[in-house]
All heavy atoms as atom14 arrays in JSON, in Angstrom:
{
  "sequence": "SMIAASLGHQAGSASAAVADLVAELGLPRTLRDVGVSRTDFRTIAR",
  "atom14_mask": [
    [1, 1, 1, 1, 1, 1, 0, 0, 0, 0, 0, 0, 0, 0],
    [1, 1, 1, 1, 1, 1, 1, 1, 0, 0, 0, 0, 0, 0],
    [1, 1, 1, 1, 1, 1, 1, 1, 0, 0, 0, 0, 0, 0],
    [1, 1, 1, 1, 1, 0, 0, 0, 0, 0, 0, 0, 0, 0],
    [1, 1, 1, 1, 1, 0, 0, 0, 0, 0, 0, 0, 0, 0],
    [1, 1, 1, 1, 1, 1, 0, 0, 0, 0, 0, 0, 0, 0],
    [1, 1, 1, 1, 1, 1, 1, 1, 0, 0, 0, 0, 0, 0],
    [1, 1, 1, 1, 0, 0, 0, 0, 0, 0, 0, 0, 0, 0],
    [1, 1, 1, 1, 1, 1, 1, 1, 1, 1, 0, 0, 0, 0],
    [1, 1, 1, 1, 1, 1, 1, 1, 1, 0, 0, 0, 0, 0],
    [1, 1, 1, 1, 1, 0, 0, 0, 0, 0, 0, 0, 0, 0],
    [1, 1, 1, 1, 0, 0, 0, 0, 0, 0, 0, 0, 0, 0],
    [1, 1, 1, 1, 1, 1, 0, 0, 0, 0, 0, 0, 0, 0],
    [1, 1, 1, 1, 1, 0, 0, 0, 0, 0, 0, 0, 0, 0],
    [1, 1, 1, 1, 1, 1, 0, 0, 0, 0, 0, 0, 0, 0],
    [1, 1, 1, 1, 1, 0, 0, 0, 0, 0, 0, 0, 0, 0],
    [1, 1, 1, 1, 1, 0, 0, 0, 0, 0, 0, 0, 0, 0],
    [1, 1, 1, 1, 1, 1, 1, 0, 0, 0, 0, 0, 0, 0],
    [1, 1, 1, 1, 1, 0, 0, 0, 0, 0, 0, 0, 0, 0],
    [1, 1, 1, 1, 1, 1, 1, 1, 0, 0, 0, 0, 0, 0],
    [1, 1, 1, 1, 1, 1, 1, 1, 0, 0, 0, 0, 0, 0],
    [1, 1, 1, 1, 1, 1, 1, 0, 0, 0, 0, 0, 0, 0],
    [1, 1, 1, 1, 1, 0, 0, 0, 0, 0, 0, 0, 0, 0],
    [1, 1, 1, 1, 1, 1, 1, 1, 1, 0, 0, 0, 0, 0],
    [1, 1, 1, 1, 1, 1, 1, 1, 0, 0, 0, 0, 0, 0],
    [1, 1, 1, 1, 0, 0, 0, 0, 0, 0, 0, 0, 0, 0],
    [1, 1, 1, 1, 1, 1, 1, 1, 0, 0, 0, 0, 0, 0],
    [1, 1, 1, 1, 1, 1, 1, 0, 0, 0, 0, 0, 0, 0],
    [1, 1, 1, 1, 1, 1, 1, 1, 1, 1, 1, 0, 0, 0],
    [1, 1, 1, 1, 1, 1, 1, 0, 0, 0, 0, 0, 0, 0],
    [1, 1, 1, 1, 1, 1, 1, 1, 0, 0, 0, 0, 0, 0],
    [1, 1, 1, 1, 1, 1, 1, 1, 1, 1, 1, 0, 0, 0],
    [1, 1, 1, 1, 1, 1, 1, 1, 0, 0, 0, 0, 0, 0],
    [1, 1, 1, 1, 1, 1, 1, 0, 0, 0, 0, 0, 0, 0],
    [1, 1, 1, 1, 0, 0, 0, 0, 0, 0, 0, 0, 0, 0],
    [1, 1, 1, 1, 1, 1, 1, 0, 0, 0, 0, 0, 0, 0],
    [1, 1, 1, 1, 1, 1, 0, 0, 0, 0, 0, 0, 0, 0],
    [1, 1, 1, 1, 1, 1, 1, 1, 1, 1, 1, 0, 0, 0],
    [1, 1, 1, 1, 1, 1, 1, 0, 0, 0, 0, 0, 0, 0],
    [1, 1, 1, 1, 1, 1, 1, 1, 0, 0, 0, 0, 0, 0],
    [1, 1, 1, 1, 1, 1, 1, 1, 1, 1, 1, 0, 0, 0],
    [1, 1, 1, 1, 1, 1, 1, 1, 1, 1, 1, 0, 0, 0],
    [1, 1, 1, 1, 1, 1, 1, 0, 0, 0, 0, 0, 0, 0],
    [1, 1, 1, 1, 1, 1, 1, 1, 0, 0, 0, 0, 0, 0],
    [1, 1, 1, 1, 1, 0, 0, 0, 0, 0, 0, 0, 0, 0],
    [1, 1, 1, 1, 1, 1, 1, 1, 1, 1, 1, 0, 0, 0]
  ],
  "atom14_positions": [
    [[-26.98, 24.83, 43.68], [-28.07, 24.02, 43.11], [-29.0, 23.53, 44.21], [-30.23, 23.52, 44.03], [-27.5, 22.83, 42.34], [-26.86, 23.26, 41.18], [0.0, 0.0, 0.0], [0.0, 0.0, 0.0], [0.0, 0.0, 0.0], [0.0, 0.0, 0.0], [0.0, 0.0, 0.0], [0.0, 0.0, 0.0], [0.0, 0.0, 0.0], [0.0, 0.0, 0.0]],
    [[-28.44, 23.14, 45.34], [-29.26, 22.69, 46.47], [-30.12, 23.83, 47.01], [-31.29, 23.64, 47.34], [-28.38, 22.11, 47.58], [-27.73, 20.79, 47.21], [-26.82, 19.94, 48.55], [-26.05, 21.24, 49.45], [0.0, 0.0, 0.0], [0.0, 0.0, 0.0], [0.0, 0.0, 0.0], [0.0, 0.0, 0.0], [0.0, 0.0, 0.0], [0.0, 0.0, 0.0]],
    [[-29.55, 25.01, 47.08], [-30.3, 26.18, 47.56], [-31.44, 26.49, 46.6], [-32.58, 26.7, 47.02], [-29.37, 27.4, 47.73], [-28.4, 27.15, 48.89], [-30.18, 28.68, 47.95], [-27.26, 28.13, 48.96], [0.0, 0.0, 0.0], [0.0, 0.0, 0.0], [0.0, 0.0, 0.0], [0.0, 0.0, 0.0], [0.0, 0.0, 0.0], [0.0, 0.0, 0.0]],
    [[-31.13, 26.51, 45.31], [-32.17, 26.8, 44.31], [-33.3, 25.79, 44.4], [-34.48, 26.15, 44.4], [-31.56, 26.81, 42.91], [0.0, 0.0, 0.0], [0.0, 0.0, 0.0], [0.0, 0.0, 0.0], [0.0, 0.0, 0.0], [0.0, 0.0, 0.0], [0.0, 0.0, 0.0], [0.0, 0.0, 0.0], [0.0, 0.0, 0.0], [0.0, 0.0, 0.0]],
    [[-32.95, 24.51, 44.5], [-33.97, 23.46, 44.58], [-34.81, 23.61, 45.85], [-36.04, 23.44, 45.81], [-33.31, 22.09, 44.54], [0.0, 0.0, 0.0], [0.0, 0.0, 0.0], [0.0, 0.0, 0.0], [0.0, 0.0, 0.0], [0.0, 0.0, 0.0], [0.0, 0.0, 0.0], [0.0, 0.0, 0.0], [0.0, 0.0, 0.0], [0.0, 0.0, 0.0]],
    [[-34.17, 23.95, 46.96], [-34.92, 24.08, 48.21], [-35.87, 25.27, 48.17], [-36.86, 25.3, 48.91], [-33.98, 24.19, 49.4], [-33.29, 25.41, 49.4], [0.0, 0.0, 0.0], [0.0, 0.0, 0.0], [0.0, 0.0, 0.0], [0.0, 0.0, 0.0], [0.0, 0.0, 0.0], [0.0, 0.0, 0.0], [0.0, 0.0, 0.0], [0.0, 0.0, 0.0]],
    [[-35.6, 26.22, 47.29], [-36.49, 27.38, 47.14], [-37.44, 27.21, 45.96], [-38.11, 28.15, 45.55], [-35.66, 28.66, 46.97], [-34.9, 29.1, 48.22], [-33.97, 30.26, 47.9], [-35.86, 29.48, 49.34], [0.0, 0.0, 0.0], [0.0, 0.0, 0.0], [0.0, 0.0, 0.0], [0.0, 0.0, 0.0], [0.0, 0.0, 0.0], [0.0, 0.0, 0.0]],
    [[-37.5, 25.98, 45.42], [-38.46, 25.68, 44.36], [-38.01, 26.02, 42.96], [-38.82, 26.06, 42.04], [0.0, 0.0, 0.0], [0.0, 0.0, 0.0], [0.0, 0.0, 0.0], [0.0, 0.0, 0.0], [0.0, 0.0, 0.0], [0.0, 0.0, 0.0], [0.0, 0.0, 0.0], [0.0, 0.0, 0.0], [0.0, 0.0, 0.0], [0.0, 0.0, 0.0]],
    [[-36.75, 26.28, 42.77], [-36.19, 26.6, 41.45], [-35.32, 25.44, 40.97], [-34.1, 25.54, 40.97], [-35.36, 27.89, 41.53], [-36.18, 29.12, 41.68], [-36.2, 30.1, 40.74], [-37.0, 29.53, 42.67], [-37.01, 31.08, 41.13], [-37.5, 30.74, 42.31], [0.0, 0.0, 0.0], [0.0, 0.0, 0.0], [0.0, 0.0, 0.0], [0.0, 0.0, 0.0]],
    [[-35.93, 24.38, 40.55], [-35.19, 23.19, 40.16], [-34.18, 23.47, 39.04], [-33.08, 22.96, 39.06], [-36.16, 22.08, 39.73], [-37.13, 21.66, 40.8], [-36.46, 21.12, 42.05], [-35.36, 20.6, 42.02], [-37.14, 21.24, 43.18], [0.0, 0.0, 0.0], [0.0, 0.0, 0.0], [0.0, 0.0, 0.0], [0.0, 0.0, 0.0], [0.0, 0.0, 0.0]],
    [[-34.59, 24.25, 38.06], [-33.71, 24.48, 36.91], [-33.07, 25.87, 36.95], [-32.28, 26.2, 36.08], [-34.49, 24.32, 35.62], [0.0, 0.0, 0.0], [0.0, 0.0, 0.0], [0.0, 0.0, 0.0], [0.0, 0.0, 0.0], [0.0, 0.0, 0.0], [0.0, 0.0, 0.0], [0.0, 0.0, 0.0], [0.0, 0.0, 0.0], [0.0, 0.0, 0.0]],
    [[-33.4, 26.67, 37.95], [-32.9, 28.03, 37.99], [-31.67, 28.17, 38.86], [-31.17, 27.21, 39.45], [0.0, 0.0, 0.0], [0.0, 0.0, 0.0], [0.0, 0.0, 0.0], [0.0, 0.0, 0.0], [0.0, 0.0, 0.0], [0.0, 0.0, 0.0], [0.0, 0.0, 0.0], [0.0, 0.0, 0.0], [0.0, 0.0, 0.0], [0.0, 0.0, 0.0]],
    [[-31.21, 29.39, 38.95], [-30.02, 29.66, 39.77], [-30.43, 30.02, 41.2], [-31.54, 30.49, 41.44], [-29.22, 30.81, 39.16], [-29.92, 32.03, 39.3], [0.0, 0.0, 0.0], [0.0, 0.0, 0.0], [0.0, 0.0, 0.0], [0.0, 0.0, 0.0], [0.0, 0.0, 0.0], [0.0, 0.0, 0.0], [0.0, 0.0, 0.0], [0.0, 0.0, 0.0]],
    [[-29.51, 29.79, 42.11], [-29.77, 30.15, 43.5], [-29.92, 31.66, 43.65], [-30.77, 32.12, 44.42], [-28.64, 29.63, 44.39], [0.0, 0.0, 0.0], [0.0, 0.0, 0.0], [0.0, 0.0, 0.0], [0.0, 0.0, 0.0], [0.0, 0.0, 0.0], [0.0, 0.0, 0.0], [0.0, 0.0, 0.0], [0.0, 0.0, 0.0], [0.0, 0.0, 0.0]],
    [[-29.13, 32.41, 42.92], [-29.23, 33.86, 43.04], [-30.6, 34.35, 42.59], [-31.19, 35.23, 43.22], [-28.12, 34.57, 42.27], [-28.19, 34.3, 40.89], [0.0, 0.0, 0.0], [0.0, 0.0, 0.0], [0.0, 0.0, 0.0], [0.0, 0.0, 0.0], [0.0, 0.0, 0.0], [0.0, 0.0, 0.0], [0.0, 0.0, 0.0], [0.0, 0.0, 0.0]],
    [[-31.13, 33.76, 41.52], [-32.48, 34.14, 41.05], [-33.54, 33.7, 42.06], [-34.51, 34.43, 42.3], [-32.76, 33.53, 39.69], [0.0, 0.0, 0.0], [0.0, 0.0, 0.0], [0.0, 0.0, 0.0], [0.0, 0.0, 0.0], [0.0, 0.0, 0.0], [0.0, 0.0, 0.0], [0.0, 0.0, 0.0], [0.0, 0.0, 0.0], [0.0, 0.0, 0.0]],
    [[-33.35, 32.54, 42.67], [-34.31, 32.05, 43.65], [-34.35, 32.98, 44.87], [-35.43, 33.32, 45.36], [-33.95, 30.62, 44.08], [0.0, 0.0, 0.0], [0.0, 0.0, 0.0], [0.0, 0.0, 0.0], [0.0, 0.0, 0.0], [0.0, 0.0, 0.0], [0.0, 0.0, 0.0], [0.0, 0.0, 0.0], [0.0, 0.0, 0.0], [0.0, 0.0, 0.0]],
    [[-33.19, 33.41, 45.33], [-33.15, 34.32, 46.47], [-33.7, 35.69, 46.08], [-34.43, 36.32, 46.85], [-31.72, 34.42, 47.04], [-31.61, 35.51, 48.1], [-31.3, 33.08, 47.64], [0.0, 0.0, 0.0], [0.0, 0.0, 0.0], [0.0, 0.0, 0.0], [0.0, 0.0, 0.0], [0.0, 0.0, 0.0], [0.0, 0.0, 0.0], [0.0, 0.0, 0.0]],
    [[-33.38, 36.15, 44.87], [-33.92, 37.43, 44.39], [-35.44, 37.39, 44.34], [-36.11, 38.36, 44.71], [-33.34, 37.77, 43.02], [0.0, 0.0, 0.0], [0.0, 0.0, 0.0], [0.0, 0.0, 0.0], [0.0, 0.0, 0.0], [0.0, 0.0, 0.0], [0.0, 0.0, 0.0], [0.0, 0.0, 0.0], [0.0, 0.0, 0.0], [0.0, 0.0, 0.0]],
    [[-35.99, 36.27, 43.91], [-37.45, 36.11, 43.89], [-38.03, 36.16, 45.3], [-39.07, 36.78, 45.53], [-37.86, 34.8, 43.21], [-37.65, 34.82, 41.7], [-37.38, 35.9, 41.13], [-37.74, 33.73, 41.09], [0.0, 0.0, 0.0], [0.0, 0.0, 0.0], [0.0, 0.0, 0.0], [0.0, 0.0, 0.0], [0.0, 0.0, 0.0], [0.0, 0.0, 0.0]],
    [[-37.36, 35.52, 46.24], [-37.8, 35.54, 47.63], [-37.78, 36.97, 48.19], [-38.74, 37.4, 48.83], [-36.93, 34.62, 48.49], [-37.22, 34.61, 49.98], [-38.64, 34.15, 50.27], [-36.21, 33.74, 50.71], [0.0, 0.0, 0.0], [0.0, 0.0, 0.0], [0.0, 0.0, 0.0], [0.0, 0.0, 0.0], [0.0, 0.0, 0.0], [0.0, 0.0, 0.0]],
    [[-36.71, 37.69, 47.93], [-36.6, 39.08, 48.38], [-37.76, 39.9, 47.81], [-38.39, 40.69, 48.52], [-35.23, 39.68, 47.98], [-35.2, 41.18, 48.19], [-34.11, 39.0, 48.77], [0.0, 0.0, 0.0], [0.0, 0.0, 0.0], [0.0, 0.0, 0.0], [0.0, 0.0, 0.0], [0.0, 0.0, 0.0], [0.0, 0.0, 0.0], [0.0, 0.0, 0.0]],
    [[-38.04, 39.69, 46.53], [-39.14, 40.43, 45.88], [-40.49, 40.06, 46.52], [-41.32, 40.94, 46.76], [-39.16, 40.14, 44.39], [0.0, 0.0, 0.0], [0.0, 0.0, 0.0], [0.0, 0.0, 0.0], [0.0, 0.0, 0.0], [0.0, 0.0, 0.0], [0.0, 0.0, 0.0], [0.0, 0.0, 0.0], [0.0, 0.0, 0.0], [0.0, 0.0, 0.0]],
    [[-40.7, 38.76, 46.77], [-41.96, 38.32, 47.38], [-42.15, 38.92, 48.77], [-43.28, 39.18, 49.19], [-41.99, 36.8, 47.47], [-42.17, 36.11, 46.14], [-42.03, 34.59, 46.24], [-42.23, 34.04, 47.35], [-41.7, 33.97, 45.22], [0.0, 0.0, 0.0], [0.0, 0.0, 0.0], [0.0, 0.0, 0.0], [0.0, 0.0, 0.0], [0.0, 0.0, 0.0]],
    [[-41.06, 39.16, 49.47], [-41.13, 39.74, 50.81], [-41.3, 41.26, 50.76], [-41.5, 41.9, 51.8], [-39.87, 39.38, 51.6], [-39.71, 37.91, 51.94], [-38.33, 37.65, 52.54], [-40.81, 37.43, 52.87], [0.0, 0.0, 0.0], [0.0, 0.0, 0.0], [0.0, 0.0, 0.0], [0.0, 0.0, 0.0], [0.0, 0.0, 0.0], [0.0, 0.0, 0.0]],
    [[-41.21, 41.82, 49.57], [-41.36, 43.26, 49.42], [-40.17, 44.06, 49.91], [-40.31, 45.24, 50.24], [0.0, 0.0, 0.0], [0.0, 0.0, 0.0], [0.0, 0.0, 0.0], [0.0, 0.0, 0.0], [0.0, 0.0, 0.0], [0.0, 0.0, 0.0], [0.0, 0.0, 0.0], [0.0, 0.0, 0.0], [0.0, 0.0, 0.0], [0.0, 0.0, 0.0]],
    [[-39.01, 43.43, 49.95], [-37.8, 44.1, 50.42], [-37.09, 44.79, 49.26], [-37.31, 44.43, 48.1], [-36.87, 43.08, 51.07], [-37.43, 42.37, 52.3], [-36.52, 41.23, 52.73], [-37.62, 43.36, 53.43], [0.0, 0.0, 0.0], [0.0, 0.0, 0.0], [0.0, 0.0, 0.0], [0.0, 0.0, 0.0], [0.0, 0.0, 0.0], [0.0, 0.0, 0.0]],
    [[-36.23, 45.75, 49.55], [-35.45, 46.39, 48.47], [-34.62, 45.34, 47.74], [-34.04, 44.45, 48.36], [-34.55, 47.38, 49.21], [-35.14, 47.55, 50.56], [-35.9, 46.3, 50.86], [0.0, 0.0, 0.0], [0.0, 0.0, 0.0], [0.0, 0.0, 0.0], [0.0, 0.0, 0.0], [0.0, 0.0, 0.0], [0.0, 0.0, 0.0], [0.0, 0.0, 0.0]],
    [[-34.58, 45.47, 46.42], [-33.9, 44.44, 45.62], [-32.55, 44.89, 45.06], [-31.76, 44.06, 44.65], [-34.8, 44.01, 44.48], [-36.06, 43.35, 45.01], [-37.06, 42.95, 43.98], [-36.65, 43.17, 42.61], [-37.23, 42.64, 41.56], [-38.27, 41.88, 41.73], [-36.82, 42.9, 40.36], [0.0, 0.0, 0.0], [0.0, 0.0, 0.0], [0.0, 0.0, 0.0]],
    [[-32.32, 46.18, 45.01], [-31.06, 46.66, 44.44], [-30.45, 47.71, 45.36], [-31.13, 48.25, 46.25], [-31.29, 47.31, 43.05], [-32.06, 48.5, 43.23], [-31.99, 46.37, 42.08], [0.0, 0.0, 0.0], [0.0, 0.0, 0.0], [0.0, 0.0, 0.0], [0.0, 0.0, 0.0], [0.0, 0.0, 0.0], [0.0, 0.0, 0.0], [0.0, 0.0, 0.0]],
    [[-29.2, 48.0, 45.12], [-28.56, 49.07, 45.88], [-29.2, 50.41, 45.55], [-29.29, 51.28, 46.42], [-27.06, 49.1, 45.59], [-26.27, 47.91, 46.14], [-24.82, 47.98, 45.68], [-26.36, 47.85, 47.65], [0.0, 0.0, 0.0], [0.0, 0.0, 0.0], [0.0, 0.0, 0.0], [0.0, 0.0, 0.0], [0.0, 0.0, 0.0], [0.0, 0.0, 0.0]],
    [[-29.65, 50.57, 44.32], [-30.36, 51.81, 43.94], [-31.59, 52.0, 44.82], [-31.93, 53.12, 45.19], [-30.8, 51.75, 42.48], [-29.72, 51.99, 41.49], [-30.32, 51.99, 40.09], [-31.0, 50.72, 39.83], [-30.56, 49.78, 39.01], [-29.48, 49.96, 38.31], [-31.23, 48.67, 38.85], [0.0, 0.0, 0.0], [0.0, 0.0, 0.0], [0.0, 0.0, 0.0]],
    [[-32.27, 50.89, 45.13], [-33.5, 50.96, 45.93], [-33.26, 51.52, 47.33], [-34.2, 51.99, 47.97], [-34.15, 49.57, 46.07], [-34.7, 49.02, 44.77], [-34.89, 49.8, 43.81], [-34.96, 47.79, 44.73], [0.0, 0.0, 0.0], [0.0, 0.0, 0.0], [0.0, 0.0, 0.0], [0.0, 0.0, 0.0], [0.0, 0.0, 0.0], [0.0, 0.0, 0.0]],
    [[-32.03, 51.44, 47.8], [-31.72, 51.94, 49.14], [-30.81, 53.16, 49.09], [-30.2, 53.54, 50.09], [-31.12, 50.84, 50.04], [-32.15, 49.76, 50.31], [-29.85, 50.26, 49.45], [0.0, 0.0, 0.0], [0.0, 0.0, 0.0], [0.0, 0.0, 0.0], [0.0, 0.0, 0.0], [0.0, 0.0, 0.0], [0.0, 0.0, 0.0], [0.0, 0.0, 0.0]],
    [[-30.72, 53.78, 47.9], [-30.03, 55.05, 47.77], [-28.52, 55.0, 47.62], [-27.85, 56.02, 47.79], [0.0, 0.0, 0.0], [0.0, 0.0, 0.0], [0.0, 0.0, 0.0], [0.0, 0.0, 0.0], [0.0, 0.0, 0.0], [0.0, 0.0, 0.0], [0.0, 0.0, 0.0], [0.0, 0.0, 0.0], [0.0, 0.0, 0.0], [0.0, 0.0, 0.0]],
    [[-27.98, 53.84, 47.29], [-26.54, 53.75, 47.07], [-26.23, 54.17, 45.64], [-26.88, 53.72, 44.7], [-26.03, 52.31, 47.34], [-24.55, 52.19, 46.98], [-26.27, 51.92, 48.79], [0.0, 0.0, 0.0], [0.0, 0.0, 0.0], [0.0, 0.0, 0.0], [0.0, 0.0, 0.0], [0.0, 0.0, 0.0], [0.0, 0.0, 0.0], [0.0, 0.0, 0.0]],
    [[-25.24, 55.01, 45.49], [-24.81, 55.49, 44.18], [-23.57, 54.73, 43.72], [-22.77, 54.28, 44.55], [-24.48, 56.98, 44.27], [-23.85, 57.43, 43.11], [0.0, 0.0, 0.0], [0.0, 0.0, 0.0], [0.0, 0.0, 0.0], [0.0, 0.0, 0.0], [0.0, 0.0, 0.0], [0.0, 0.0, 0.0], [0.0, 0.0, 0.0], [0.0, 0.0, 0.0]],
    [[-23.42, 54.62, 42.43], [-22.2, 53.99, 41.9], [-20.95, 54.73, 42.37], [-19.89, 54.11, 42.5], [-22.24, 53.96, 40.38], [-23.03, 52.84, 39.81], [-22.85, 52.8, 38.31], [-23.38, 51.57, 37.77], [-24.16, 51.51, 36.71], [-24.51, 52.62, 36.08], [-24.59, 50.35, 36.28], [0.0, 0.0, 0.0], [0.0, 0.0, 0.0], [0.0, 0.0, 0.0]],
    [[-21.06, 56.01, 42.6], [-19.9, 56.77, 43.06], [-19.46, 56.33, 44.46], [-18.34, 56.64, 44.88], [-20.17, 58.29, 43.05], [-21.28, 58.57, 43.91], [-20.47, 58.79, 41.65], [0.0, 0.0, 0.0], [0.0, 0.0, 0.0], [0.0, 0.0, 0.0], [0.0, 0.0, 0.0], [0.0, 0.0, 0.0], [0.0, 0.0, 0.0], [0.0, 0.0, 0.0]],
    [[-20.32, 55.61, 45.16], [-19.98, 55.09, 46.5], [-19.25, 53.75, 46.45], [-18.72, 53.3, 47.47], [-21.26, 54.9, 47.34], [-22.01, 56.18, 47.57], [-21.37, 57.24, 47.71], [-23.26, 56.13, 47.6], [0.0, 0.0, 0.0], [0.0, 0.0, 0.0], [0.0, 0.0, 0.0], [0.0, 0.0, 0.0], [0.0, 0.0, 0.0], [0.0, 0.0, 0.0]],
    [[-19.22, 53.11, 45.29], [-18.69, 51.75, 45.2], [-17.25, 51.63, 45.69], [-16.9, 50.7, 46.41], [-18.78, 51.22, 43.77], [-20.15, 50.81, 43.33], [-21.28, 51.03, 44.11], [-20.34, 50.2, 42.1], [-22.54, 50.66, 43.7], [-21.6, 49.82, 41.67], [-22.69, 50.05, 42.47], [0.0, 0.0, 0.0], [0.0, 0.0, 0.0], [0.0, 0.0, 0.0]],
    [[-16.37, 52.54, 45.29], [-14.96, 52.44, 45.66], [-14.8, 52.51, 47.17], [-14.09, 51.7, 47.77], [-14.15, 53.54, 44.97], [-12.67, 53.58, 45.32], [-11.92, 52.33, 45.0], [-11.67, 52.19, 43.58], [-10.8, 51.34, 43.06], [-10.07, 50.57, 43.84], [-10.67, 51.22, 41.78], [0.0, 0.0, 0.0], [0.0, 0.0, 0.0], [0.0, 0.0, 0.0]],
    [[-15.5, 53.42, 47.82], [-15.42, 53.55, 49.27], [-15.96, 52.31, 49.96], [-15.34, 51.79, 50.9], [-16.2, 54.8, 49.74], [-15.64, 55.94, 49.1], [-16.16, 54.95, 51.24], [0.0, 0.0, 0.0], [0.0, 0.0, 0.0], [0.0, 0.0, 0.0], [0.0, 0.0, 0.0], [0.0, 0.0, 0.0], [0.0, 0.0, 0.0], [0.0, 0.0, 0.0]],
    [[-17.1, 51.83, 49.51], [-17.69, 50.62, 50.1], [-16.74, 49.44, 49.92], [-16.5, 48.67, 50.85], [-19.06, 50.33, 49.46], [-20.07, 51.42, 49.82], [-19.57, 48.95, 49.89], [-21.36, 51.37, 49.0], [0.0, 0.0, 0.0], [0.0, 0.0, 0.0], [0.0, 0.0, 0.0], [0.0, 0.0, 0.0], [0.0, 0.0, 0.0], [0.0, 0.0, 0.0]],
    [[-16.2, 49.29, 48.72], [-15.31, 48.16, 48.42], [-14.05, 48.22, 49.28], [-13.6, 47.18, 49.8], [-14.96, 48.15, 46.94], [0.0, 0.0, 0.0], [0.0, 0.0, 0.0], [0.0, 0.0, 0.0], [0.0, 0.0, 0.0], [0.0, 0.0, 0.0], [0.0, 0.0, 0.0], [0.0, 0.0, 0.0], [0.0, 0.0, 0.0], [0.0, 0.0, 0.0]],
    [[-13.47, 49.39, 49.43], [-12.27, 49.53, 50.26], [-12.55, 49.13, 51.71], [-11.75, 48.44, 52.33], [-11.76, 50.96, 50.21], [-10.68, 51.14, 49.18], [-10.03, 52.49, 49.31], [-10.58, 53.24, 48.18], [-10.68, 54.53, 48.08], [-10.28, 55.29, 49.04], [-11.17, 55.1, 47.03], [0.0, 0.0, 0.0], [0.0, 0.0, 0.0], [0.0, 0.0, 0.0]]
  ]
}
């Protein structure tokens, strides 16, 4: 909640506030955006 408020999202979630910041910076927002496939998840997780 403190993180969300510090990023101007009084009623929102911190994850949404950070996601908005990432988008504003023009950075990749999802794993798909950087070429990660779901088939890679098990290897990455391990």
